Amino acid sequence: MNELVYVGIDVAKNSFEVAVTGEVQTLNLSNEEAGHAELCQLLIPLAPRLVLLEATGGYEQDLALALAAAGLRVSVINPRQARDFARCMGKLAKTDRIDAQALRGFAALLDAQGHEPRALADEQQRELTALVVRRRQLVAMLVAERQRLGVAHPKAKPSILNIMDAIAAQLHDVNAQLKVHIQAHHADLAKLLTSVKGVGPTPASPLLAKLPAPGKPTRTPSPPPRGPTTPRPTGTPAPATPTRQAACVGGPAANTNSLTSTRSTPCWPSSRPAHTSTCSSPKAA
């Protein structure tokens, strides 16, 4: 049976580290369009069961979208989940290489538990989210300036009032953009939300940013397993699924090999150019 392939990616501002099942080394690529395209070309022939990233303040968004557009199953998880899993497996140090390997091991565990990745937001949904976030930032700045105004020296008050006027003007523009965007792309859902007593256009905006579009699936389907499968005889119980609790009971040395591969034969396509200067070798235990 072919080995199932899982991918963990630790994303930073300018680069990202990739760990793949069966690979001793990790691969470092630039976090830009060229690096995204190269990674897609490398991963598509491997047909990974799951590609796992952790949210890094938006730096992972373009990469996740590129991988999803290439037809790969991508899941973006909370960084706390990834860090808790790494600690559970005895990985207390934190480097890009270790984080990528931990995400690779976590991807295998999630897939064994039947994890289904959420569908990524489309362009319209991302635009709405950006406007909602910007509006929240402007409101916070306006509140802060109002608080400063109450205790400011008379000499400083004109400056604060000028800043408040500028923020108010920007807030007015963002509200207008939100209204136009919602009417153009989310009119039916907005009408349904605002029909609820107490829900107006302003509180409806962040709700629309979180809700999926009507009729759009919220999960990506699982691919069929690779390689031949042997049917289980009738009446035979299913094998136990490994759980995170079971790994914790075993302690740090229970299954640390799940995060680092011992196979020396690389699974990268032979046509890939060498990246000897950007690959990180595993440190001695």
C-alpha atoms as a PDB file:
ATOM      1  CA  MET A   1       0.000   0.000   0.000  1.00  0.00           C
ATOM      2  CA  ASN A   2       1.293   3.469  -0.885  1.00  0.00           C
ATOM      3  CA  GLU A   3       2.257   5.650   2.046  1.00  0.00           C
ATOM      4  CA  LEU A   4      -0.187   8.458   2.772  1.00  0.00           C
ATOM      5  CA  VAL A   5       1.435  11.858   2.401  1.00  0.00           C
ATOM      6  CA  TYR A   6       0.848  14.731   4.819  1.00  0.00           C
ATOM      7  CA  VAL A   7       2.308  18.214   4.643  1.00  0.00           C
ATOM      8  CA  GLY A   8       2.968  20.722   7.426  1.00  0.00           C
ATOM      9  CA  ILE A   9       3.835  24.324   6.573  1.00  0.00           C
ATOM     10  CA  ASP A  10       5.123  26.920   9.020  1.00  0.00           C
ATOM     11  CA  VAL A  11       4.532  30.353   7.505  1.00  0.00           C
ATOM     12  CA  ALA A  12       6.458  33.525   8.324  1.00  0.00           C
ATOM     13  CA  LYS A  13       6.315  36.994   6.777  1.00  0.00           C
ATOM     14  CA  ASN A  14       8.953  36.458   4.075  1.00  0.00           C
ATOM     15  CA  SER A  15       9.272  32.666   3.830  1.00  0.00           C
ATOM     16  CA  PHE A  16       7.707  29.367   4.836  1.00  0.00           C
ATOM     17  CA  GLU A  17       9.064  25.971   5.899  1.00  0.00           C
ATOM     18  CA  VAL A  18       7.607  22.781   4.410  1.00  0.00           C
ATOM     19  CA  ALA A  19       7.735  19.305   5.978  1.00  0.00           C
ATOM     20  CA  VAL A  20       6.476  16.323   3.944  1.00  0.00           C
ATOM     21  CA  THR A  21       5.891  12.722   4.980  1.00  0.00           C
ATOM     22  CA  GLY A  22       8.943  10.608   4.186  1.00  0.00           C
ATOM     23  CA  GLU A  23      11.340  13.554   3.952  1.00  0.00           C
ATOM     24  CA  VAL A  24      14.146  13.960   6.490  1.00  0.00           C
ATOM     25  CA  GLN A  25      14.805  17.541   5.408  1.00  0.00           C
ATOM     26  CA  THR A  26      12.444  20.498   5.329  1.00  0.00           C
ATOM     27  CA  LEU A  27      12.216  22.897   2.419  1.00  0.00           C
ATOM     28  CA  ASN A  28      12.310  26.683   2.734  1.00  0.00           C
ATOM     29  CA  LEU A  29      10.656  28.823   0.054  1.00  0.00           C
ATOM     30  CA  SER A  30       9.854  32.503  -0.270  1.00  0.00           C
ATOM     31  CA  ASN A  31       6.381  33.593   0.813  1.00  0.00           C
ATOM     32  CA  GLU A  32       5.496  35.196  -2.494  1.00  0.00           C
ATOM     33  CA  GLU A  33       3.764  34.183  -5.696  1.00  0.00           C
ATOM     34  CA  ALA A  34       6.808  32.420  -7.166  1.00  0.00           C
ATOM     35  CA  GLY A  35       7.325  30.366  -4.007  1.00  0.00           C
ATOM     36  CA  HIS A  36       3.633  29.451  -3.884  1.00  0.00           C
ATOM     37  CA  ALA A  37       3.673  28.289  -7.500  1.00  0.00           C
ATOM     38  CA  GLU A  38       6.809  26.196  -6.956  1.00  0.00           C
ATOM     39  CA  LEU A  39       5.326  24.482  -3.909  1.00  0.00           C
ATOM     40  CA  CYS A  40       2.122  23.666  -5.805  1.00  0.00           C
ATOM     41  CA  GLN A  41       4.176  22.069  -8.590  1.00  0.00           C
ATOM     42  CA  LEU A  42       6.035  19.943  -6.030  1.00  0.00           C
ATOM     43  CA  LEU A  43       2.974  18.824  -4.067  1.00  0.00           C
ATOM     44  CA  ILE A  44       0.496  18.057  -6.847  1.00  0.00           C
ATOM     45  CA  PRO A  45       2.315  14.834  -7.958  1.00  0.00           C
ATOM     46  CA  LEU A  46       2.440  13.681  -4.310  1.00  0.00           C
ATOM     47  CA  ALA A  47      -1.354  14.076  -3.861  1.00  0.00           C
ATOM     48  CA  PRO A  48      -1.165  14.732  -0.095  1.00  0.00           C
ATOM     49  CA  ARG A  49      -4.138  13.743   2.025  1.00  0.00           C
ATOM     50  CA  LEU A  50      -3.960  17.003   3.975  1.00  0.00           C
ATOM     51  CA  VAL A  51      -1.874  20.179   3.932  1.00  0.00           C
ATOM     52  CA  LEU A  52      -1.872  21.867   7.328  1.00  0.00           C
ATOM     53  CA  LEU A  53      -0.974  25.478   8.117  1.00  0.00           C
ATOM     54  CA  GLU A  54      -1.445  27.580  11.211  1.00  0.00           C
ATOM     55  CA  ALA A  55      -2.904  31.064  11.151  1.00  0.00           C
ATOM     56  CA  THR A  56      -0.147  33.695  11.302  1.00  0.00           C
ATOM     57  CA  GLY A  57      -1.991  37.003  11.182  1.00  0.00           C
ATOM     58  CA  GLY A  58      -2.763  36.810   7.464  1.00  0.00           C
ATOM     59  CA  TYR A  59       0.690  35.845   6.156  1.00  0.00           C
ATOM     60  CA  GLU A  60      -0.656  32.359   5.388  1.00  0.00           C
ATOM     61  CA  GLN A  61      -3.694  33.509   3.409  1.00  0.00           C
ATOM     62  CA  ASP A  62      -2.214  33.813  -0.090  1.00  0.00           C
ATOM     63  CA  LEU A  63      -0.377  30.498   0.250  1.00  0.00           C
ATOM     64  CA  ALA A  64      -3.505  28.685   1.453  1.00  0.00           C
ATOM     65  CA  LEU A  65      -5.510  30.120  -1.440  1.00  0.00           C
ATOM     66  CA  ALA A  66      -2.857  29.073  -3.965  1.00  0.00           C
ATOM     67  CA  LEU A  67      -2.773  25.518  -2.619  1.00  0.00           C
ATOM     68  CA  ALA A  68      -6.576  25.278  -2.605  1.00  0.00           C
ATOM     69  CA  ALA A  69      -6.728  26.603  -6.171  1.00  0.00           C
ATOM     70  CA  ALA A  70      -4.327  23.803  -7.163  1.00  0.00           C
ATOM     71  CA  GLY A  71      -6.860  21.261  -5.895  1.00  0.00           C
ATOM     72  CA  LEU A  72      -5.094  20.361  -2.641  1.00  0.00           C
ATOM     73  CA  ARG A  73      -6.907  19.806   0.669  1.00  0.00           C
ATOM     74  CA  VAL A  74      -5.814  22.705   2.861  1.00  0.00           C
ATOM     75  CA  SER A  75      -6.693  23.401   6.461  1.00  0.00           C
ATOM     76  CA  VAL A  76      -5.705  26.490   8.491  1.00  0.00           C
ATOM     77  CA  ILE A  77      -5.778  25.886  12.235  1.00  0.00           C
ATOM     78  CA  ASN A  78      -5.427  27.943  15.399  1.00  0.00           C
ATOM     79  CA  PRO A  79      -1.750  28.285  16.432  1.00  0.00           C
ATOM     80  CA  ARG A  80      -2.631  27.194  19.965  1.00  0.00           C
ATOM     81  CA  GLN A  81      -3.787  23.815  18.664  1.00  0.00           C
ATOM     82  CA  ALA A  82      -0.503  23.274  16.840  1.00  0.00           C
ATOM     83  CA  ARG A  83       1.586  24.330  19.827  1.00  0.00           C
ATOM     84  CA  ASP A  84      -0.377  22.130  22.243  1.00  0.00           C
ATOM     85  CA  PHE A  85       0.171  19.146  19.941  1.00  0.00           C
ATOM     86  CA  ALA A  86       3.917  19.843  19.719  1.00  0.00           C
ATOM     87  CA  ARG A  87       4.189  20.027  23.523  1.00  0.00           C
ATOM     88  CA  CYS A  88       2.189  16.822  23.827  1.00  0.00           C
ATOM     89  CA  MET A  89       4.741  15.094  21.592  1.00  0.00           C
ATOM     90  CA  GLY A  90       7.645  16.422  23.664  1.00  0.00           C
ATOM     91  CA  LYS A  91       8.703  19.117  21.177  1.00  0.00           C
ATOM     92  CA  LEU A  92       9.351  22.016  23.535  1.00  0.00           C
ATOM     93  CA  ALA A  93      11.768  23.933  21.312  1.00  0.00           C
ATOM     94  CA  LYS A  94      10.266  26.257  18.709  1.00  0.00           C
ATOM     95  CA  THR A  95      11.929  26.704  15.326  1.00  0.00           C
ATOM     96  CA  ASP A  96      10.513  26.876  11.811  1.00  0.00           C
ATOM     97  CA  ARG A  97      11.693  23.329  11.076  1.00  0.00           C
ATOM     98  CA  ILE A  98      10.259  21.865  14.291  1.00  0.00           C
ATOM     99  CA  ASP A  99       6.967  23.709  13.822  1.00  0.00           C
ATOM    100  CA  ALA A 100       6.606  22.431  10.243  1.00  0.00           C
ATOM    101  CA  GLN A 101       7.308  18.857  11.350  1.00  0.00           C
ATOM    102  CA  ALA A 102       4.816  19.186  14.205  1.00  0.00           C
ATOM    103  CA  LEU A 103       2.157  20.407  11.776  1.00  0.00           C
ATOM    104  CA  ARG A 104       2.916  17.423   9.529  1.00  0.00           C
ATOM    105  CA  GLY A 105       2.356  15.026  12.424  1.00  0.00           C
ATOM    106  CA  PHE A 106      -0.779  16.896  13.478  1.00  0.00           C
ATOM    107  CA  ALA A 107      -2.130  16.644   9.922  1.00  0.00           C
ATOM    108  CA  ALA A 108      -1.821  12.846  10.052  1.00  0.00           C
ATOM    109  CA  LEU A 109      -3.629  12.735  13.392  1.00  0.00           C
ATOM    110  CA  LEU A 110      -6.433  15.026  12.240  1.00  0.00           C
ATOM    111  CA  ASP A 111      -6.946  13.003   9.067  1.00  0.00           C
ATOM    112  CA  ALA A 112      -7.124   9.777  11.098  1.00  0.00           C
ATOM    113  CA  GLN A 113      -9.875  11.385  13.177  1.00  0.00           C
ATOM    114  CA  GLY A 114     -11.906  12.302  10.097  1.00  0.00           C
ATOM    115  CA  HIS A 115     -11.027  15.995   9.942  1.00  0.00           C
ATOM    116  CA  GLU A 116     -12.631  17.833   7.012  1.00  0.00           C
ATOM    117  CA  PRO A 117     -11.049  21.184   6.039  1.00  0.00           C
ATOM    118  CA  ARG A 118     -13.241  24.246   5.914  1.00  0.00           C
ATOM    119  CA  ALA A 119     -13.737  25.798   2.512  1.00  0.00           C
ATOM    120  CA  LEU A 120     -11.668  28.977   2.212  1.00  0.00           C
ATOM    121  CA  ALA A 121     -13.423  32.310   1.795  1.00  0.00           C
ATOM    122  CA  ASP A 122     -13.844  33.637  -1.741  1.00  0.00           C
ATOM    123  CA  GLU A 123     -12.699  37.072  -2.898  1.00  0.00           C
ATOM    124  CA  GLN A 124     -16.009  38.782  -2.080  1.00  0.00           C
ATOM    125  CA  GLN A 125     -15.982  37.376   1.442  1.00  0.00           C
ATOM    126  CA  ARG A 126     -12.375  38.474   1.991  1.00  0.00           C
ATOM    127  CA  GLU A 127     -13.189  41.997   0.801  1.00  0.00           C
ATOM    128  CA  LEU A 128     -16.089  42.182   3.235  1.00  0.00           C
ATOM    129  CA  THR A 129     -13.909  40.895   6.072  1.00  0.00           C
ATOM    130  CA  ALA A 130     -11.236  43.503   5.288  1.00  0.00           C
ATOM    131  CA  LEU A 131     -13.800  46.324   5.412  1.00  0.00           C
ATOM    132  CA  VAL A 132     -15.291  45.037   8.678  1.00  0.00           C
ATOM    133  CA  VAL A 133     -11.835  44.782  10.276  1.00  0.00           C
ATOM    134  CA  ARG A 134     -10.906  48.279   9.102  1.00  0.00           C
ATOM    135  CA  ARG A 135     -14.141  49.711  10.486  1.00  0.00           C
ATOM    136  CA  ARG A 136     -13.430  48.070  13.859  1.00  0.00           C
ATOM    137  CA  GLN A 137      -9.933  49.605  13.874  1.00  0.00           C
ATOM    138  CA  LEU A 138     -11.254  53.090  13.088  1.00  0.00           C
ATOM    139  CA  VAL A 139     -13.880  52.874  15.825  1.00  0.00           C
ATOM    140  CA  ALA A 140     -11.201  51.835  18.342  1.00  0.00           C
ATOM    141  CA  MET A 141      -8.984  54.780  17.308  1.00  0.00           C
ATOM    142  CA  LEU A 142     -11.898  57.209  17.561  1.00  0.00           C
ATOM    143  CA  VAL A 143     -12.766  55.992  21.060  1.00  0.00           C
ATOM    144  CA  ALA A 144      -9.129  56.343  22.134  1.00  0.00           C
ATOM    145  CA  GLU A 145      -8.954  59.947  20.860  1.00  0.00           C
ATOM    146  CA  ARG A 146     -12.193  60.841  22.650  1.00  0.00           C
ATOM    147  CA  GLN A 147     -10.746  59.526  25.889  1.00  0.00           C
ATOM    148  CA  ARG A 148      -7.585  61.574  25.395  1.00  0.00           C
ATOM    149  CA  LEU A 149      -9.650  64.666  24.675  1.00  0.00           C
ATOM    150  CA  GLY A 150     -11.253  64.571  28.110  1.00  0.00           C
ATOM    151  CA  VAL A 151      -7.947  64.858  29.968  1.00  0.00           C
ATOM    152  CA  ALA A 152      -5.860  66.726  27.401  1.00  0.00           C
ATOM    153  CA  HIS A 153      -4.297  70.141  27.952  1.00  0.00           C
ATOM    154  CA  PRO A 154      -6.102  72.938  26.079  1.00  0.00           C
ATOM    155  CA  LYS A 155      -3.023  73.379  23.908  1.00  0.00           C
ATOM    156  CA  ALA A 156      -3.279  69.758  22.676  1.00  0.00           C
ATOM    157  CA  LYS A 157      -7.047  69.648  22.140  1.00  0.00           C
ATOM    158  CA  PRO A 158      -7.056  71.190  18.622  1.00  0.00           C
ATOM    159  CA  SER A 159      -4.706  68.456  17.411  1.00  0.00           C
ATOM    160  CA  ILE A 160      -6.892  65.748  18.927  1.00  0.00           C
ATOM    161  CA  LEU A 161     -10.017  67.266  17.364  1.00  0.00           C
ATOM    162  CA  ASN A 162      -8.335  67.326  13.952  1.00  0.00           C
ATOM    163  CA  ILE A 163      -7.410  63.656  14.266  1.00  0.00           C
ATOM    164  CA  MET A 164     -10.955  62.821  15.363  1.00  0.00           C
ATOM    165  CA  ASP A 165     -12.366  64.614  12.318  1.00  0.00           C
ATOM    166  CA  ALA A 166     -10.014  62.676  10.016  1.00  0.00           C
ATOM    167  CA  ILE A 167     -10.941  59.356  11.619  1.00  0.00           C
ATOM    168  CA  ALA A 168     -14.647  60.190  11.417  1.00  0.00           C
ATOM    169  CA  ALA A 169     -14.280  60.966   7.702  1.00  0.00           C
ATOM    170  CA  GLN A 170     -12.516  57.639   7.096  1.00  0.00           C
ATOM    171  CA  LEU A 171     -15.185  55.829   9.105  1.00  0.00           C
ATOM    172  CA  HIS A 172     -17.886  57.433   6.970  1.00  0.00           C
ATOM    173  CA  ASP A 173     -16.123  56.259   3.793  1.00  0.00           C
ATOM    174  CA  VAL A 174     -15.730  52.696   5.076  1.00  0.00           C
ATOM    175  CA  ASN A 175     -19.398  52.565   6.093  1.00  0.00           C
ATOM    176  CA  ALA A 176     -20.361  53.683   2.587  1.00  0.00           C
ATOM    177  CA  GLN A 177     -18.126  50.993   1.027  1.00  0.00           C
ATOM    178  CA  LEU A 178     -19.641  48.367   3.316  1.00  0.00           C
ATOM    179  CA  LYS A 179     -23.146  49.372   2.276  1.00  0.00           C
ATOM    180  CA  VAL A 180     -22.304  49.192  -1.433  1.00  0.00           C
ATOM    181  CA  HIS A 181     -20.500  45.856  -1.088  1.00  0.00           C
ATOM    182  CA  ILE A 182     -23.307  44.244   0.897  1.00  0.00           C
ATOM    183  CA  GLN A 183     -25.964  45.443  -1.519  1.00  0.00           C
ATOM    184  CA  ALA A 184     -23.959  44.126  -4.463  1.00  0.00           C
ATOM    185  CA  HIS A 185     -22.996  40.701  -3.112  1.00  0.00           C
ATOM    186  CA  HIS A 186     -24.950  39.856   0.055  1.00  0.00           C
ATOM    187  CA  ALA A 187     -28.293  41.626  -0.350  1.00  0.00           C
ATOM    188  CA  ASP A 188     -30.531  38.598   0.291  1.00  0.00           C
ATOM    189  CA  LEU A 189     -28.657  37.403   3.351  1.00  0.00           C
ATOM    190  CA  ALA A 190     -28.412  40.960   4.715  1.00  0.00           C
ATOM    191  CA  LYS A 191     -32.160  41.386   4.324  1.00  0.00           C
ATOM    192  CA  LEU A 192     -32.733  38.172   6.242  1.00  0.00           C
ATOM    193  CA  LEU A 193     -30.409  39.218   9.076  1.00  0.00           C
ATOM    194  CA  THR A 194     -31.824  42.719   9.424  1.00  0.00           C
ATOM    195  CA  SER A 195     -35.338  41.304   9.580  1.00  0.00           C
ATOM    196  CA  VAL A 196     -34.471  40.114  13.093  1.00  0.00           C
ATOM    197  CA  LYS A 197     -35.486  42.637  15.728  1.00  0.00           C
ATOM    198  CA  GLY A 198     -32.498  44.555  17.062  1.00  0.00           C
ATOM    199  CA  VAL A 199     -30.165  43.672  14.169  1.00  0.00           C
ATOM    200  CA  GLY A 200     -29.367  46.655  11.979  1.00  0.00           C
ATOM    201  CA  PRO A 201     -26.932  47.183   9.108  1.00  0.00           C
ATOM    202  CA  THR A 202     -23.963  47.843  11.428  1.00  0.00           C
ATOM    203  CA  PRO A 203     -24.125  44.611  13.499  1.00  0.00           C
ATOM    204  CA  ALA A 204     -25.130  42.667  10.376  1.00  0.00           C
ATOM    205  CA  SER A 205     -21.808  43.430   8.643  1.00  0.00           C
ATOM    206  CA  PRO A 206     -19.530  41.321  10.905  1.00  0.00           C
ATOM    207  CA  LEU A 207     -22.110  38.531  10.844  1.00  0.00           C
ATOM    208  CA  LEU A 208     -22.091  38.496   7.051  1.00  0.00           C
ATOM    209  CA  ALA A 209     -18.282  38.376   7.093  1.00  0.00           C
ATOM    210  CA  LYS A 210     -18.398  35.159   9.148  1.00  0.00           C
ATOM    211  CA  LEU A 211     -21.215  33.375   7.330  1.00  0.00           C
ATOM    212  CA  PRO A 212     -20.568  31.279   4.195  1.00  0.00           C
ATOM    213  CA  ALA A 213     -22.316  32.211   0.998  1.00  0.00           C
ATOM    214  CA  PRO A 214     -25.726  30.505   0.536  1.00  0.00           C
ATOM    215  CA  GLY A 215     -25.382  27.199  -1.284  1.00  0.00           C
ATOM    216  CA  LYS A 216     -21.601  27.090  -0.900  1.00  0.00           C
ATOM    217  CA  PRO A 217     -20.201  23.980   0.850  1.00  0.00           C
ATOM    218  CA  THR A 218     -18.439  24.703   4.128  1.00  0.00           C
ATOM    219  CA  ARG A 219     -16.215  21.617   3.952  1.00  0.00           C
ATOM    220  CA  THR A 220     -13.998  20.199   1.232  1.00  0.00           C
ATOM    221  CA  PRO A 221     -14.633  16.513   0.467  1.00  0.00           C
ATOM    222  CA  SER A 222     -12.058  13.902   1.400  1.00  0.00           C
ATOM    223  CA  PRO A 223     -10.189  12.228  -1.460  1.00  0.00           C
ATOM    224  CA  PRO A 224     -10.364   8.439  -1.753  1.00  0.00           C
ATOM    225  CA  PRO A 225      -7.534   6.601   0.005  1.00  0.00           C
ATOM    226  CA  ARG A 226      -4.484   5.893  -2.141  1.00  0.00           C
ATOM    227  CA  GLY A 227      -3.434   2.350  -2.963  1.00  0.00           C
ATOM    228  CA  PRO A 228      -5.355  -0.928  -2.620  1.00  0.00           C
ATOM    229  CA  THR A 229      -7.487  -1.497   0.438  1.00  0.00           C
ATOM    230  CA  THR A 230      -8.400  -4.773   2.094  1.00  0.00           C
ATOM    231  CA  PRO A 231     -12.062  -5.062   3.139  1.00  0.00           C
ATOM    232  CA  ARG A 232     -12.578  -5.836   6.809  1.00  0.00           C
ATOM    233  CA  PRO A 233     -14.409  -9.126   7.479  1.00  0.00           C
ATOM    234  CA  THR A 234     -17.951  -8.820   8.749  1.00  0.00           C
ATOM    235  CA  GLY A 235     -18.101  -8.569  12.507  1.00  0.00           C
ATOM    236  CA  THR A 236     -14.472  -7.488  12.885  1.00  0.00           C
ATOM    237  CA  PRO A 237     -14.179  -4.312  14.971  1.00  0.00           C
ATOM    238  CA  ALA A 238     -12.601  -1.288  13.369  1.00  0.00           C
ATOM    239  CA  PRO A 239      -9.015  -0.501  14.420  1.00  0.00           C
ATOM    240  CA  ALA A 240      -8.719   2.060  17.171  1.00  0.00           C
ATOM    241  CA  THR A 241      -8.096   5.613  16.006  1.00  0.00           C
ATOM    242  CA  PRO A 242      -5.107   7.283  17.680  1.00  0.00           C
ATOM    243  CA  THR A 243      -6.078  10.218  19.809  1.00  0.00           C
ATOM    244  CA  ARG A 244      -4.215  13.163  21.170  1.00  0.00           C
ATOM    245  CA  GLN A 245      -4.931  11.977  24.719  1.00  0.00           C
ATOM    246  CA  ALA A 246      -3.288   8.640  24.007  1.00  0.00           C
ATOM    247  CA  ALA A 247      -0.149  10.405  22.814  1.00  0.00           C
ATOM    248  CA  CYS A 248      -0.097  12.526  25.960  1.00  0.00           C
ATOM    249  CA  VAL A 249      -0.355   9.481  28.232  1.00  0.00           C
ATOM    250  CA  GLY A 250       2.690   7.958  26.595  1.00  0.00           C
ATOM    251  CA  GLY A 251       4.815  10.988  27.478  1.00  0.00           C
ATOM    252  CA  PRO A 252       7.335  12.795  25.314  1.00  0.00           C
ATOM    253  CA  ALA A 253       9.021   9.592  24.151  1.00  0.00           C
ATOM    254  CA  ALA A 254       5.758   7.778  23.322  1.00  0.00           C
ATOM    255  CA  ASN A 255       5.756   8.483  19.584  1.00  0.00           C
ATOM    256  CA  THR A 256       8.249  11.156  18.702  1.00  0.00           C
ATOM    257  CA  ASN A 257       9.093   9.380  15.441  1.00  0.00           C
ATOM    258  CA  SER A 258       5.759  10.544  14.022  1.00  0.00           C
ATOM    259  CA  LEU A 259       7.219  14.041  13.725  1.00  0.00           C
ATOM    260  CA  THR A 260      10.534  13.101  12.104  1.00  0.00           C
ATOM    261  CA  SER A 261      10.969  10.639   9.284  1.00  0.00           C
ATOM    262  CA  THR A 262      13.703   8.020   9.215  1.00  0.00           C
ATOM    263  CA  ARG A 263      13.444   7.309   5.500  1.00  0.00           C
ATOM    264  CA  SER A 264      16.452   8.672   3.662  1.00  0.00           C
ATOM    265  CA  THR A 265      15.038   8.335   0.121  1.00  0.00           C
ATOM    266  CA  PRO A 266      13.511  11.697  -0.847  1.00  0.00           C
ATOM    267  CA  CYS A 267       9.933  11.766  -2.141  1.00  0.00           C
ATOM    268  CA  TRP A 268      10.351  15.068  -3.990  1.00  0.00           C
ATOM    269  CA  PRO A 269      10.076  14.783  -7.801  1.00  0.00           C
ATOM    270  CA  SER A 270      13.458  14.298  -9.453  1.00  0.00           C
ATOM    271  CA  SER A 271      12.765  17.214 -11.789  1.00  0.00           C
ATOM    272  CA  ARG A 272      12.779  19.653  -8.879  1.00  0.00           C
ATOM    273  CA  PRO A 273      15.896  21.864  -8.787  1.00  0.00           C
ATOM    274  CA  ALA A 274      18.146  21.375  -5.803  1.00  0.00           C
ATOM    275  CA  HIS A 275      17.623  23.612  -2.771  1.00  0.00           C
ATOM    276  CA  THR A 276      20.660  22.669  -0.780  1.00  0.00           C
ATOM    277  CA  SER A 277      21.177  26.210   0.462  1.00  0.00           C
ATOM    278  CA  THR A 278      17.635  26.568   1.796  1.00  0.00           C
ATOM    279  CA  CYS A 279      16.997  23.117   3.274  1.00  0.00           C
ATOM    280  CA  SER A 280      17.397  22.622   6.975  1.00  0.00           C
ATOM    281  CA  SER A 281      18.961  19.401   8.187  1.00  0.00           C
ATOM    282  CA  PRO A 282      17.525  17.804  11.317  1.00  0.00           C
ATOM    283  CA  LYS A 283      19.560  18.404  14.400  1.00  0.00           C
ATOM    284  CA  ALA A 284      21.068  15.537  16.314  1.00  0.00           C
ATOM    285  CA  ALA A 285      18.792  14.266  19.048  1.00  0.00           C
END
